[in-house]
Amino acid sequence: MNKLIKFELKRNSLKTYHIAVVIITVVILSFLYLLAAIPQIDAADSDTEMFMSYDFIIGLGNIISMAIFSIMSSVMASKFIVDEYTGKKAILLFSYPVYRKKIFI
């Protein structure tokens, strides 16, 4: 089964998605550092009090990263499903000597 998984990963090019993950991670980290620097830039403003706690910044970072990576995973899944059913790749997938339940899992 591991050989089949390696074969499928090699067949589907994931390089663009790895590059996208690196870019998204850098953008999210820079955005969070910008949010953490807001109280130091303008300390007199009373609205910056919520940016002074790490709980708010970590929570906001979690929400943003969950949203972005869930969208990315749904795009990847839809691309893989559409690519499988175009052509005869689905027939090849079901002709492997593996139980079909394992393939679906």
PDB file of N, CA and C in Angstrom:
ATOM      1  N   MET A   1       0.824  -1.190   0.000  1.00  0.00           N
ATOM      2  CA  MET A   1       0.000   0.000   0.000  1.00  0.00           C
ATOM      3  C   MET A   1       0.868   1.254   0.000  1.00  0.00           C
ATOM      4  N   ASN A   2       1.980   1.229   0.733  1.00  0.00           N
ATOM      5  CA  ASN A   2       2.871   2.389   0.766  1.00  0.00           C
ATOM      6  C   ASN A   2       3.469   2.676  -0.607  1.00  0.00           C
ATOM      7  N   LYS A   3       3.751   1.610  -1.366  1.00  0.00           N
ATOM      8  CA  LYS A   3       4.281   1.807  -2.716  1.00  0.00           C
ATOM      9  C   LYS A   3       3.254   2.485  -3.610  1.00  0.00           C
ATOM     10  N   LEU A   4       1.988   2.127  -3.441  1.00  0.00           N
ATOM     11  CA  LEU A   4       0.939   2.760  -4.234  1.00  0.00           C
ATOM     12  C   LEU A   4       0.777   4.232  -3.873  1.00  0.00           C
ATOM     13  N   ILE A   5       0.891   4.539  -2.599  1.00  0.00           N
ATOM     14  CA  ILE A   5       0.790   5.933  -2.167  1.00  0.00           C
ATOM     15  C   ILE A   5       1.949   6.735  -2.728  1.00  0.00           C
ATOM     16  N   LYS A   6       3.153   6.175  -2.694  1.00  0.00           N
ATOM     17  CA  LYS A   6       4.316   6.865  -3.268  1.00  0.00           C
ATOM     18  C   LYS A   6       4.150   7.067  -4.764  1.00  0.00           C
ATOM     19  N   PHE A   7       3.599   6.052  -5.439  1.00  0.00           N
ATOM     20  CA  PHE A   7       3.364   6.176  -6.868  1.00  0.00           C
ATOM     21  C   PHE A   7       2.366   7.283  -7.178  1.00  0.00           C
ATOM     22  N   GLU A   8       1.281   7.350  -6.414  1.00  0.00           N
ATOM     23  CA  GLU A   8       0.270   8.387  -6.631  1.00  0.00           C
ATOM     24  C   GLU A   8       0.820   9.775  -6.328  1.00  0.00           C
ATOM     25  N   LEU A   9       1.648   9.899  -5.294  1.00  0.00           N
ATOM     26  CA  LEU A   9       2.245  11.200  -4.981  1.00  0.00           C
ATOM     27  C   LEU A   9       3.212  11.640  -6.072  1.00  0.00           C
ATOM     28  N   LYS A  10       3.913  10.678  -6.644  1.00  0.00           N
ATOM     29  CA  LYS A  10       4.835  11.004  -7.722  1.00  0.00           C
ATOM     30  C   LYS A  10       4.075  11.391  -8.990  1.00  0.00           C
ATOM     31  N   ARG A  11       2.935  10.745  -9.214  1.00  0.00           N
ATOM     32  CA  ARG A  11       2.147  11.025 -10.412  1.00  0.00           C
ATOM     33  C   ARG A  11       1.495  12.403 -10.348  1.00  0.00           C
ATOM     34  N   ASN A  12       1.033  12.802  -9.185  1.00  0.00           N
ATOM     35  CA  ASN A  12       0.437  14.128  -8.996  1.00  0.00           C
ATOM     36  C   ASN A  12       1.526  15.087  -8.564  1.00  0.00           C
ATOM     37  N   SER A  13       1.720  16.128  -9.327  1.00  0.00           N
ATOM     38  CA  SER A  13       2.778  17.076  -8.976  1.00  0.00           C
ATOM     39  C   SER A  13       2.296  17.983  -7.846  1.00  0.00           C
ATOM     40  N   LEU A  14       3.030  17.982  -6.748  1.00  0.00           N
ATOM     41  CA  LEU A  14       2.664  18.776  -5.578  1.00  0.00           C
ATOM     42  C   LEU A  14       3.618  19.947  -5.349  1.00  0.00           C
ATOM     43  N   LYS A  15       4.532  20.171  -6.280  1.00  0.00           N
ATOM     44  CA  LYS A  15       5.533  21.210  -6.094  1.00  0.00           C
ATOM     45  C   LYS A  15       4.897  22.597  -5.978  1.00  0.00           C
ATOM     46  N   THR A  16       3.896  22.877  -6.788  1.00  0.00           N
ATOM     47  CA  THR A  16       3.254  24.190  -6.724  1.00  0.00           C
ATOM     48  C   THR A  16       2.558  24.398  -5.390  1.00  0.00           C
ATOM     49  N   TYR A  17       2.004  23.328  -4.828  1.00  0.00           N
ATOM     50  CA  TYR A  17       1.327  23.448  -3.542  1.00  0.00           C
ATOM     51  C   TYR A  17       2.325  23.634  -2.399  1.00  0.00           C
ATOM     52  N   HIS A  18       3.493  23.022  -2.505  1.00  0.00           N
ATOM     53  CA  HIS A  18       4.531  23.242  -1.502  1.00  0.00           C
ATOM     54  C   HIS A  18       5.013  24.694  -1.534  1.00  0.00           C
ATOM     55  N   ILE A  19       5.167  25.244  -2.719  1.00  0.00           N
ATOM     56  CA  ILE A  19       5.569  26.649  -2.842  1.00  0.00           C
ATOM     57  C   ILE A  19       4.480  27.556  -2.282  1.00  0.00           C
ATOM     58  N   ALA A  20       3.219  27.229  -2.557  1.00  0.00           N
ATOM     59  CA  ALA A  20       2.110  28.027  -2.032  1.00  0.00           C
ATOM     60  C   ALA A  20       2.058  27.986  -0.513  1.00  0.00           C
ATOM     61  N   VAL A  21       2.351  26.838   0.084  1.00  0.00           N
ATOM     62  CA  VAL A  21       2.357  26.719   1.551  1.00  0.00           C
ATOM     63  C   VAL A  21       3.446  27.599   2.148  1.00  0.00           C
ATOM     64  N   VAL A  22       4.616  27.619   1.538  1.00  0.00           N
ATOM     65  CA  VAL A  22       5.712  28.454   2.050  1.00  0.00           C
ATOM     66  C   VAL A  22       5.341  29.926   1.947  1.00  0.00           C
ATOM     67  N   ILE A  23       4.782  30.335   0.825  1.00  0.00           N
ATOM     68  CA  ILE A  23       4.399  31.738   0.640  1.00  0.00           C
ATOM     69  C   ILE A  23       3.300  32.135   1.622  1.00  0.00           C
ATOM     70  N   ILE A  24       2.299  31.282   1.793  1.00  0.00           N
ATOM     71  CA  ILE A  24       1.206  31.578   2.718  1.00  0.00           C
ATOM     72  C   ILE A  24       1.724  31.681   4.149  1.00  0.00           C
ATOM     73  N   THR A  25       2.634  30.802   4.535  1.00  0.00           N
ATOM     74  CA  THR A  25       3.197  30.839   5.889  1.00  0.00           C
ATOM     75  C   THR A  25       3.959  32.125   6.136  1.00  0.00           C
ATOM     76  N   VAL A  26       4.748  32.555   5.176  1.00  0.00           N
ATOM     77  CA  VAL A  26       5.498  33.808   5.322  1.00  0.00           C
ATOM     78  C   VAL A  26       4.551  34.998   5.416  1.00  0.00           C
ATOM     79  N   VAL A  27       3.502  35.009   4.608  1.00  0.00           N
ATOM     80  CA  VAL A  27       2.539  36.124   4.641  1.00  0.00           C
ATOM     81  C   VAL A  27       1.805  36.164   5.977  1.00  0.00           C
ATOM     82  N   ILE A  28       1.380  35.008   6.483  1.00  0.00           N
ATOM     83  CA  ILE A  28       0.667  34.978   7.765  1.00  0.00           C
ATOM     84  C   ILE A  28       1.576  35.428   8.904  1.00  0.00           C
ATOM     85  N   LEU A  29       2.815  34.952   8.922  1.00  0.00           N
ATOM     86  CA  LEU A  29       3.746  35.370   9.982  1.00  0.00           C
ATOM     87  C   LEU A  29       4.037  36.869   9.929  1.00  0.00           C
ATOM     88  N   SER A  30       4.220  37.408   8.732  1.00  0.00           N
ATOM     89  CA  SER A  30       4.480  38.847   8.635  1.00  0.00           C
ATOM     90  C   SER A  30       3.251  39.650   9.054  1.00  0.00           C
ATOM     91  N   PHE A  31       2.056  39.161   8.731  1.00  0.00           N
ATOM     92  CA  PHE A  31       0.837  39.838   9.156  1.00  0.00           C
ATOM     93  C   PHE A  31       0.696  39.817  10.682  1.00  0.00           C
ATOM     94  N   LEU A  32       1.030  38.694  11.300  1.00  0.00           N
ATOM     95  CA  LEU A  32       0.935  38.606  12.760  1.00  0.00           C
ATOM     96  C   LEU A  32       1.974  39.483  13.445  1.00  0.00           C
ATOM     97  N   TYR A  33       3.172  39.567  12.875  1.00  0.00           N
ATOM     98  CA  TYR A  33       4.179  40.480  13.438  1.00  0.00           C
ATOM     99  C   TYR A  33       3.754  41.931  13.290  1.00  0.00           C
ATOM    100  N   LEU A  34       3.082  42.248  12.190  1.00  0.00           N
ATOM    101  CA  LEU A  34       2.561  43.601  12.019  1.00  0.00           C
ATOM    102  C   LEU A  34       1.494  43.907  13.072  1.00  0.00           C
ATOM    103  N   LEU A  35       0.614  42.933  13.332  1.00  0.00           N
ATOM    104  CA  LEU A  35      -0.404  43.138  14.362  1.00  0.00           C
ATOM    105  C   LEU A  35       0.216  43.277  15.751  1.00  0.00           C
ATOM    106  N   ALA A  36       1.284  42.548  16.005  1.00  0.00           N
ATOM    107  CA  ALA A  36       1.938  42.647  17.311  1.00  0.00           C
ATOM    108  C   ALA A  36       2.673  43.970  17.466  1.00  0.00           C
ATOM    109  N   ALA A  37       3.056  44.595  16.358  1.00  0.00           N
ATOM    110  CA  ALA A  37       3.788  45.863  16.421  1.00  0.00           C
ATOM    111  C   ALA A  37       2.867  47.073  16.494  1.00  0.00           C
ATOM    112  N   ILE A  38       1.581  46.912  16.286  1.00  0.00           N
ATOM    113  CA  ILE A  38       0.648  48.046  16.305  1.00  0.00           C
ATOM    114  C   ILE A  38       0.656  48.770  17.646  1.00  0.00           C
ATOM    115  N   PRO A  39       0.633  48.097  18.798  1.00  0.00           N
ATOM    116  CA  PRO A  39       0.652  48.846  20.070  1.00  0.00           C
ATOM    117  C   PRO A  39       1.948  49.630  20.289  1.00  0.00           C
ATOM    118  N   GLN A  40       3.051  49.177  19.723  1.00  0.00           N
ATOM    119  CA  GLN A  40       4.307  49.913  19.888  1.00  0.00           C
ATOM    120  C   GLN A  40       4.379  51.116  18.964  1.00  0.00           C
ATOM    121  N   ILE A  41       3.712  51.046  17.835  1.00  0.00           N
ATOM    122  CA  ILE A  41       3.738  52.168  16.892  1.00  0.00           C
ATOM    123  C   ILE A  41       2.862  53.310  17.386  1.00  0.00           C
ATOM    124  N   ASP A  42       1.642  52.987  17.817  1.00  0.00           N
ATOM    125  CA  ASP A  42       0.710  54.013  18.270  1.00  0.00           C
ATOM    126  C   ASP A  42       0.154  53.604  19.633  1.00  0.00           C
ATOM    127  N   ALA A  43       0.916  53.869  20.678  1.00  0.00           N
ATOM    128  CA  ALA A  43       0.533  53.443  22.025  1.00  0.00           C
ATOM    129  C   ALA A  43      -0.542  54.334  22.639  1.00  0.00           C
ATOM    130  N   ALA A  44      -0.742  55.528  22.123  1.00  0.00           N
ATOM    131  CA  ALA A  44      -1.712  56.450  22.706  1.00  0.00           C
ATOM    132  C   ALA A  44      -3.150  56.102  22.341  1.00  0.00           C
ATOM    133  N   ASP A  45      -3.342  55.364  21.284  1.00  0.00           N
ATOM    134  CA  ASP A  45      -4.687  55.017  20.839  1.00  0.00           C
ATOM    135  C   ASP A  45      -5.288  53.969  21.775  1.00  0.00           C
ATOM    136  N   SER A  46      -6.542  54.154  22.155  1.00  0.00           N
ATOM    137  CA  SER A  46      -7.184  53.231  23.100  1.00  0.00           C
ATOM    138  C   SER A  46      -7.666  51.946  22.418  1.00  0.00           C
ATOM    139  N   ASP A  47      -7.779  51.949  21.099  1.00  0.00           N
ATOM    140  CA  ASP A  47      -8.242  50.760  20.391  1.00  0.00           C
ATOM    141  C   ASP A  47      -7.169  49.685  20.259  1.00  0.00           C
ATOM    142  N   THR A  48      -5.936  50.020  20.557  1.00  0.00           N
ATOM    143  CA  THR A  48      -4.851  49.052  20.403  1.00  0.00           C
ATOM    144  C   THR A  48      -4.695  48.141  21.614  1.00  0.00           C
ATOM    145  N   GLU A  49      -5.565  48.286  22.613  1.00  0.00           N
ATOM    146  CA  GLU A  49      -5.450  47.456  23.811  1.00  0.00           C
ATOM    147  C   GLU A  49      -5.688  45.975  23.514  1.00  0.00           C
ATOM    148  N   MET A  50      -6.550  45.670  22.543  1.00  0.00           N
ATOM    149  CA  MET A  50      -6.804  44.265  22.237  1.00  0.00           C
ATOM    150  C   MET A  50      -5.617  43.623  21.523  1.00  0.00           C
ATOM    151  N   PHE A  51      -4.782  44.413  20.861  1.00  0.00           N
ATOM    152  CA  PHE A  51      -3.601  43.874  20.199  1.00  0.00           C
ATOM    153  C   PHE A  51      -2.440  43.636  21.160  1.00  0.00           C
ATOM    154  N   MET A  52      -2.572  44.066  22.413  1.00  0.00           N
ATOM    155  CA  MET A  52      -1.492  43.906  23.381  1.00  0.00           C
ATOM    156  C   MET A  52      -1.441  42.504  23.983  1.00  0.00           C
ATOM    157  N   SER A  53      -2.502  41.735  23.850  1.00  0.00           N
ATOM    158  CA  SER A  53      -2.499  40.385  24.430  1.00  0.00           C
ATOM    159  C   SER A  53      -2.130  39.359  23.361  1.00  0.00           C
ATOM    160  N   TYR A  54      -1.314  38.399  23.779  1.00  0.00           N
ATOM    161  CA  TYR A  54      -0.919  37.336  22.859  1.00  0.00           C
ATOM    162  C   TYR A  54      -2.079  36.397  22.559  1.00  0.00           C
ATOM    163  N   ASP A  55      -3.038  36.297  23.456  1.00  0.00           N
ATOM    164  CA  ASP A  55      -4.192  35.435  23.213  1.00  0.00           C
ATOM    165  C   ASP A  55      -4.965  35.882  21.979  1.00  0.00           C
ATOM    166  N   PHE A  56      -5.144  37.191  21.826  1.00  0.00           N
ATOM    167  CA  PHE A  56      -5.856  37.717  20.666  1.00  0.00           C
ATOM    168  C   PHE A  56      -5.064  37.464  19.386  1.00  0.00           C
ATOM    169  N   ILE A  57      -3.770  37.707  19.421  1.00  0.00           N
ATOM    170  CA  ILE A  57      -2.946  37.563  18.218  1.00  0.00           C
ATOM    171  C   ILE A  57      -2.848  36.092  17.808  1.00  0.00           C
ATOM    172  N   ILE A  58      -2.668  35.194  18.771  1.00  0.00           N
ATOM    173  CA  ILE A  58      -2.588  33.766  18.454  1.00  0.00           C
ATOM    174  C   ILE A  58      -3.939  33.256  17.958  1.00  0.00           C
ATOM    175  N   GLY A  59      -5.011  33.687  18.570  1.00  0.00           N
ATOM    176  CA  GLY A  59      -6.344  33.282  18.121  1.00  0.00           C
ATOM    177  C   GLY A  59      -6.648  33.767  16.716  1.00  0.00           C
ATOM    178  N   LEU A  60      -6.292  35.015  16.430  1.00  0.00           N
ATOM    179  CA  LEU A  60      -6.506  35.551  15.095  1.00  0.00           C
ATOM    180  C   LEU A  60      -5.649  34.824  14.064  1.00  0.00           C
ATOM    181  N   GLY A  61      -4.426  34.504  14.433  1.00  0.00           N
ATOM    182  CA  GLY A  61      -3.551  33.745  13.531  1.00  0.00           C
ATOM    183  C   GLY A  61      -4.095  32.354  13.248  1.00  0.00           C
ATOM    184  N   ASN A  62      -4.642  31.716  14.282  1.00  0.00           N
ATOM    185  CA  ASN A  62      -5.245  30.396  14.086  1.00  0.00           C
ATOM    186  C   ASN A  62      -6.453  30.456  13.157  1.00  0.00           C
ATOM    187  N   ILE A  63      -7.281  31.455  13.333  1.00  0.00           N
ATOM    188  CA  ILE A  63      -8.474  31.587  12.491  1.00  0.00           C
ATOM    189  C   ILE A  63      -8.078  31.834  11.036  1.00  0.00           C
ATOM    190  N   ILE A  64      -7.121  32.735  10.827  1.00  0.00           N
ATOM    191  CA  ILE A  64      -6.700  33.056   9.463  1.00  0.00           C
ATOM    192  C   ILE A  64      -6.044  31.846   8.794  1.00  0.00           C
ATOM    193  N   SER A  65      -5.163  31.165   9.512  1.00  0.00           N
ATOM    194  CA  SER A  65      -4.487  30.016   8.903  1.00  0.00           C
ATOM    195  C   SER A  65      -5.454  28.863   8.648  1.00  0.00           C
ATOM    196  N   MET A  66      -6.418  28.640   9.542  1.00  0.00           N
ATOM    197  CA  MET A  66      -7.419  27.595   9.302  1.00  0.00           C
ATOM    198  C   MET A  66      -8.231  27.901   8.054  1.00  0.00           C
ATOM    199  N   ALA A  67      -8.636  29.152   7.899  1.00  0.00           N
ATOM    200  CA  ALA A  67      -9.436  29.521   6.728  1.00  0.00           C
ATOM    201  C   ALA A  67      -8.640  29.346   5.438  1.00  0.00           C
ATOM    202  N   ILE A  68      -7.418  29.840   5.420  1.00  0.00           N
ATOM    203  CA  ILE A  68      -6.612  29.773   4.204  1.00  0.00           C
ATOM    204  C   ILE A  68      -6.264  28.333   3.849  1.00  0.00           C
ATOM    205  N   PHE A  69      -5.838  27.540   4.823  1.00  0.00           N
ATOM    206  CA  PHE A  69      -5.431  26.178   4.518  1.00  0.00           C
ATOM    207  C   PHE A  69      -6.618  25.262   4.247  1.00  0.00           C
ATOM    208  N   SER A  70      -7.800  25.565   4.782  1.00  0.00           N
ATOM    209  CA  SER A  70      -8.975  24.767   4.419  1.00  0.00           C
ATOM    210  C   SER A  70      -9.393  25.056   2.982  1.00  0.00           C
ATOM    211  N   ILE A  71      -9.286  26.307   2.557  1.00  0.00           N
ATOM    212  CA  ILE A  71      -9.569  26.635   1.159  1.00  0.00           C
ATOM    213  C   ILE A  71      -8.558  25.957   0.241  1.00  0.00           C
ATOM    214  N   MET A  72      -7.294  25.976   0.639  1.00  0.00           N
ATOM    215  CA  MET A  72      -6.265  25.334  -0.180  1.00  0.00           C
ATOM    216  C   MET A  72      -6.468  23.826  -0.256  1.00  0.00           C
ATOM    217  N   SER A  73      -6.837  23.198   0.843  1.00  0.00           N
ATOM    218  CA  SER A  73      -7.052  21.749   0.814  1.00  0.00           C
ATOM    219  C   SER A  73      -8.270  21.383  -0.024  1.00  0.00           C
ATOM    220  N   SER A  74      -9.305  22.208  -0.003  1.00  0.00           N
ATOM    221  CA  SER A  74     -10.470  21.908  -0.842  1.00  0.00           C
ATOM    222  C   SER A  74     -10.139  22.081  -2.318  1.00  0.00           C
ATOM    223  N   VAL A  75      -9.322  23.053  -2.649  1.00  0.00           N
ATOM    224  CA  VAL A  75      -8.885  23.223  -4.037  1.00  0.00           C
ATOM    225  C   VAL A  75      -8.049  22.026  -4.482  1.00  0.00           C
ATOM    226  N   MET A  76      -7.136  21.582  -3.622  1.00  0.00           N
ATOM    227  CA  MET A  76      -6.312  20.425  -3.963  1.00  0.00           C
ATOM    228  C   MET A  76      -7.167  19.170  -4.144  1.00  0.00           C
ATOM    229  N   ALA A  77      -8.103  18.946  -3.248  1.00  0.00           N
ATOM    230  CA  ALA A  77      -8.944  17.758  -3.332  1.00  0.00           C
ATOM    231  C   ALA A  77      -9.803  17.775  -4.585  1.00  0.00           C
ATOM    232  N   SER A  78     -10.381  18.924  -4.899  1.00  0.00           N
ATOM    233  CA  SER A  78     -11.209  18.990  -6.104  1.00  0.00           C
ATOM    234  C   SER A  78     -10.375  18.796  -7.357  1.00  0.00           C
ATOM    235  N   LYS A  79      -9.154  19.331  -7.375  1.00  0.00           N
ATOM    236  CA  LYS A  79      -8.280  19.145  -8.538  1.00  0.00           C
ATOM    237  C   LYS A  79      -7.913  17.677  -8.705  1.00  0.00           C
ATOM    238  N   PHE A  80      -7.591  17.010  -7.616  1.00  0.00           N
ATOM    239  CA  PHE A  80      -7.224  15.603  -7.705  1.00  0.00           C
ATOM    240  C   PHE A  80      -8.400  14.740  -8.147  1.00  0.00           C
ATOM    241  N   ILE A  81      -9.599  15.033  -7.659  1.00  0.00           N
ATOM    242  CA  ILE A  81     -10.773  14.254  -8.035  1.00  0.00           C
ATOM    243  C   ILE A  81     -11.114  14.462  -9.501  1.00  0.00           C
ATOM    244  N   VAL A  82     -11.072  15.703  -9.960  1.00  0.00           N
ATOM    245  CA  VAL A  82     -11.371  15.975 -11.362  1.00  0.00           C
ATOM    246  C   VAL A  82     -10.319  15.347 -12.265  1.00  0.00           C
ATOM    247  N   ASP A  83      -9.053  15.421 -11.876  1.00  0.00           N
ATOM    248  CA  ASP A  83      -7.994  14.822 -12.680  1.00  0.00           C
ATOM    249  C   ASP A  83      -8.106  13.301 -12.738  1.00  0.00           C
ATOM    250  N   GLU A  84      -8.603  12.680 -11.673  1.00  0.00           N
ATOM    251  CA  GLU A  84      -8.736  11.227 -11.663  1.00  0.00           C
ATOM    252  C   GLU A  84      -9.802  10.757 -12.643  1.00  0.00           C
ATOM    253  N   TYR A  85     -10.887  11.489 -12.723  1.00  0.00           N
ATOM    254  CA  TYR A  85     -11.997  11.034 -13.556  1.00  0.00           C
ATOM    255  C   TYR A  85     -11.920  11.523 -14.996  1.00  0.00           C
ATOM    256  N   THR A  86     -10.933  12.323 -15.333  1.00  0.00           N
ATOM    257  CA  THR A  86     -10.720  12.654 -16.730  1.00  0.00           C
ATOM    258  C   THR A  86      -9.759  11.626 -17.306  1.00  0.00           C
ATOM    259  N   GLY A  87     -10.119  11.054 -18.400  1.00  0.00           N
ATOM    260  CA  GLY A  87      -9.275  10.011 -18.975  1.00  0.00           C
ATOM    261  C   GLY A  87      -9.575   8.677 -18.337  1.00  0.00           C
ATOM    262  N   LYS A  88      -8.577   7.796 -18.326  1.00  0.00           N
ATOM    263  CA  LYS A  88      -8.769   6.441 -17.815  1.00  0.00           C
ATOM    264  C   LYS A  88      -8.003   6.201 -16.523  1.00  0.00           C
ATOM    265  N   LYS A  89      -7.742   7.245 -15.783  1.00  0.00           N
ATOM    266  CA  LYS A  89      -6.997   7.083 -14.539  1.00  0.00           C
ATOM    267  C   LYS A  89      -7.822   6.379 -13.466  1.00  0.00           C
ATOM    268  N   ALA A  90      -9.129   6.592 -13.450  1.00  0.00           N
ATOM    269  CA  ALA A  90      -9.975   5.942 -12.449  1.00  0.00           C
ATOM    270  C   ALA A  90     -10.006   4.435 -12.671  1.00  0.00           C
ATOM    271  N   ILE A  91     -10.019   4.014 -13.937  1.00  0.00           N
ATOM    272  CA  ILE A  91      -9.988   2.578 -14.226  1.00  0.00           C
ATOM    273  C   ILE A  91      -8.667   1.989 -13.762  1.00  0.00           C
ATOM    274  N   LEU A  92      -7.577   2.709 -13.984  1.00  0.00           N
ATOM    275  CA  LEU A  92      -6.272   2.250 -13.518  1.00  0.00           C
ATOM    276  C   LEU A  92      -6.225   2.178 -11.997  1.00  0.00           C
ATOM    277  N   LEU A  93      -6.839   3.155 -11.337  1.00  0.00           N
ATOM    278  CA  LEU A  93      -6.836   3.176  -9.876  1.00  0.00           C
ATOM    279  C   LEU A  93      -7.569   1.975  -9.299  1.00  0.00           C
ATOM    280  N   PHE A  94      -8.695   1.611  -9.890  1.00  0.00           N
ATOM    281  CA  PHE A  94      -9.459   0.478  -9.374  1.00  0.00           C
ATOM    282  C   PHE A  94      -8.908  -0.862  -9.847  1.00  0.00           C
ATOM    283  N   SER A  95      -7.933  -0.861 -10.733  1.00  0.00           N
ATOM    284  CA  SER A  95      -7.339  -2.124 -11.164  1.00  0.00           C
ATOM    285  C   SER A  95      -6.141  -2.524 -10.303  1.00  0.00           C
ATOM    286  N   TYR A  96      -5.763  -1.694  -9.338  1.00  0.00           N
ATOM    287  CA  TYR A  96      -4.677  -2.060  -8.431  1.00  0.00           C
ATOM    288  C   TYR A  96      -5.095  -3.266  -7.591  1.00  0.00           C
ATOM    289  N   PRO A  97      -4.161  -4.129  -7.222  1.00  0.00           N
ATOM    290  CA  PRO A  97      -4.520  -5.310  -6.408  1.00  0.00           C
ATOM    291  C   PRO A  97      -4.666  -4.961  -4.924  1.00  0.00           C
ATOM    292  N   VAL A  98      -5.530  -4.011  -4.630  1.00  0.00           N
ATOM    293  CA  VAL A  98      -5.772  -3.554  -3.265  1.00  0.00           C
ATOM    294  C   VAL A  98      -7.284  -3.482  -3.086  1.00  0.00           C
ATOM    295  N   TYR A  99      -7.736  -3.727  -1.860  1.00  0.00           N
ATOM    296  CA  TYR A  99      -9.161  -3.609  -1.591  1.00  0.00           C
ATOM    297  C   TYR A  99      -9.634  -2.183  -1.865  1.00  0.00           C
ATOM    298  N   ARG A 100     -10.822  -2.064  -2.395  1.00  0.00           N
ATOM    299  CA  ARG A 100     -11.339  -0.735  -2.751  1.00  0.00           C
ATOM    300  C   ARG A 100     -11.600   0.124  -1.525  1.00  0.00           C
ATOM    301  N   LYS A 101     -11.901  -0.501  -0.412  1.00  0.00           N
ATOM    302  CA  LYS A 101     -12.107   0.279   0.811  1.00  0.00           C
ATOM    303  C   LYS A 101     -10.827   0.995   1.230  1.00  0.00           C
ATOM    304  N   LYS A 102      -9.688   0.357   1.040  1.00  0.00           N
ATOM    305  CA  LYS A 102      -8.409   0.994   1.381  1.00  0.00           C
ATOM    306  C   LYS A 102      -8.116   2.168   0.451  1.00  0.00           C
ATOM    307  N   ILE A 103      -8.499   2.048  -0.812  1.00  0.00           N
ATOM    308  CA  ILE A 103      -8.286   3.148  -1.758  1.00  0.00           C
ATOM    309  C   ILE A 103      -9.126   4.343  -1.356  1.00  0.00           C
ATOM    310  N   PHE A 104     -10.392   4.109  -0.978  1.00  0.00           N
ATOM    311  CA  PHE A 104     -11.253   5.213  -0.584  1.00  0.00           C
ATOM    312  C   PHE A 104     -10.801   5.852   0.715  1.00  0.00           C
ATOM    313  N   ILE A 105     -10.236   5.067   1.606  1.00  0.00           N
ATOM    314  CA  ILE A 105      -9.757   5.617   2.874  1.00  0.00           C
ATOM    315  C   ILE A 105      -8.569   6.499   2.598  1.00  0.00           C
TER     316      ILE A 105
END
